[in-house]
Amino acid sequence: MQLKYVDTKEEIVAINRKSKHIEPHLHNALEIVCVTSGALELGIWKKEI
């Protein structure tokens, strides 16, 4: 997969919420995760990072 930047002038949405398990899913846009405190367990495919 190739990523490319396109300036779409669309708004950016930021959400601050409590951590929970999220089932594997796809997006049609880039998802940025920022950890403000604690730790993050991230799995990609079947590997834990």
C-alpha atoms as a PDB file:
ATOM      1  CA  MET A   1       0.000   0.000   0.000  1.00  0.00           C
ATOM      2  CA  GLN A   2       1.299   3.444  -0.873  1.00  0.00           C
ATOM      3  CA  LEU A   3       0.393   6.481   1.171  1.00  0.00           C
ATOM      4  CA  LYS A   4       0.057   9.925  -0.314  1.00  0.00           C
ATOM      5  CA  TYR A   5      -0.892  13.317   1.087  1.00  0.00           C
ATOM      6  CA  VAL A   6      -3.897  15.067  -0.413  1.00  0.00           C
ATOM      7  CA  ASP A   7      -4.958  18.489   0.902  1.00  0.00           C
ATOM      8  CA  THR A   8      -8.733  18.062   1.056  1.00  0.00           C
ATOM      9  CA  LYS A   9      -9.600  21.040   3.306  1.00  0.00           C
ATOM     10  CA  GLU A  10     -11.693  18.655   5.445  1.00  0.00           C
ATOM     11  CA  GLU A  11     -11.824  19.126   9.208  1.00  0.00           C
ATOM     12  CA  ILE A  12      -9.706  17.114  11.614  1.00  0.00           C
ATOM     13  CA  VAL A  13     -11.573  15.313  14.388  1.00  0.00           C
ATOM     14  CA  ALA A  14      -9.871  14.727  17.755  1.00  0.00           C
ATOM     15  CA  ILE A  15     -11.494  12.593  20.441  1.00  0.00           C
ATOM     16  CA  ASN A  16     -10.294  12.107  24.022  1.00  0.00           C
ATOM     17  CA  ARG A  17     -11.784   8.937  25.472  1.00  0.00           C
ATOM     18  CA  LYS A  18     -11.131   6.079  27.860  1.00  0.00           C
ATOM     19  CA  SER A  19      -9.146   3.162  26.449  1.00  0.00           C
ATOM     20  CA  LYS A  20     -10.945  -0.012  25.392  1.00  0.00           C
ATOM     21  CA  HIS A  21     -10.479  -2.993  23.089  1.00  0.00           C
ATOM     22  CA  ILE A  22     -11.308  -2.239  19.465  1.00  0.00           C
ATOM     23  CA  GLU A  23     -11.823  -5.081  16.983  1.00  0.00           C
ATOM     24  CA  PRO A  24      -9.607  -5.037  13.863  1.00  0.00           C
ATOM     25  CA  HIS A  25     -10.982  -2.574  11.334  1.00  0.00           C
ATOM     26  CA  LEU A  26     -10.058  -0.490   8.294  1.00  0.00           C
ATOM     27  CA  HIS A  27     -10.227   3.234   7.625  1.00  0.00           C
ATOM     28  CA  ASN A  28     -10.395   5.291   4.463  1.00  0.00           C
ATOM     29  CA  ALA A  29      -8.130   7.846   6.158  1.00  0.00           C
ATOM     30  CA  LEU A  30      -5.053   7.950   8.377  1.00  0.00           C
ATOM     31  CA  GLU A  31      -5.691   7.232  12.065  1.00  0.00           C
ATOM     32  CA  ILE A  32      -3.314   8.832  14.577  1.00  0.00           C
ATOM     33  CA  VAL A  33      -3.285   7.555  18.167  1.00  0.00           C
ATOM     34  CA  CYS A  34      -1.717   9.728  20.879  1.00  0.00           C
ATOM     35  CA  VAL A  35      -1.205   8.286  24.361  1.00  0.00           C
ATOM     36  CA  THR A  36      -1.350  11.071  26.972  1.00  0.00           C
ATOM     37  CA  SER A  37      -0.704   8.837  30.001  1.00  0.00           C
ATOM     38  CA  GLY A  38      -0.167   5.171  30.757  1.00  0.00           C
ATOM     39  CA  ALA A  39       0.724   2.623  28.084  1.00  0.00           C
ATOM     40  CA  LEU A  40      -0.595   1.355  24.769  1.00  0.00           C
ATOM     41  CA  GLU A  41      -0.755  -2.256  23.575  1.00  0.00           C
ATOM     42  CA  LEU A  42      -1.041  -2.324  19.808  1.00  0.00           C
ATOM     43  CA  GLY A  43      -1.513  -5.359  17.601  1.00  0.00           C
ATOM     44  CA  ILE A  44      -0.948  -5.384  13.857  1.00  0.00           C
ATOM     45  CA  TRP A  45      -2.070  -8.559  12.118  1.00  0.00           C
ATOM     46  CA  LYS A  46      -1.208 -11.220  14.689  1.00  0.00           C
ATOM     47  CA  LYS A  47       1.872  -9.532  16.162  1.00  0.00           C
ATOM     48  CA  GLU A  48       1.883  -7.426  19.315  1.00  0.00           C
ATOM     49  CA  ILE A  49       3.937  -4.258  19.189  1.00  0.00           C
END
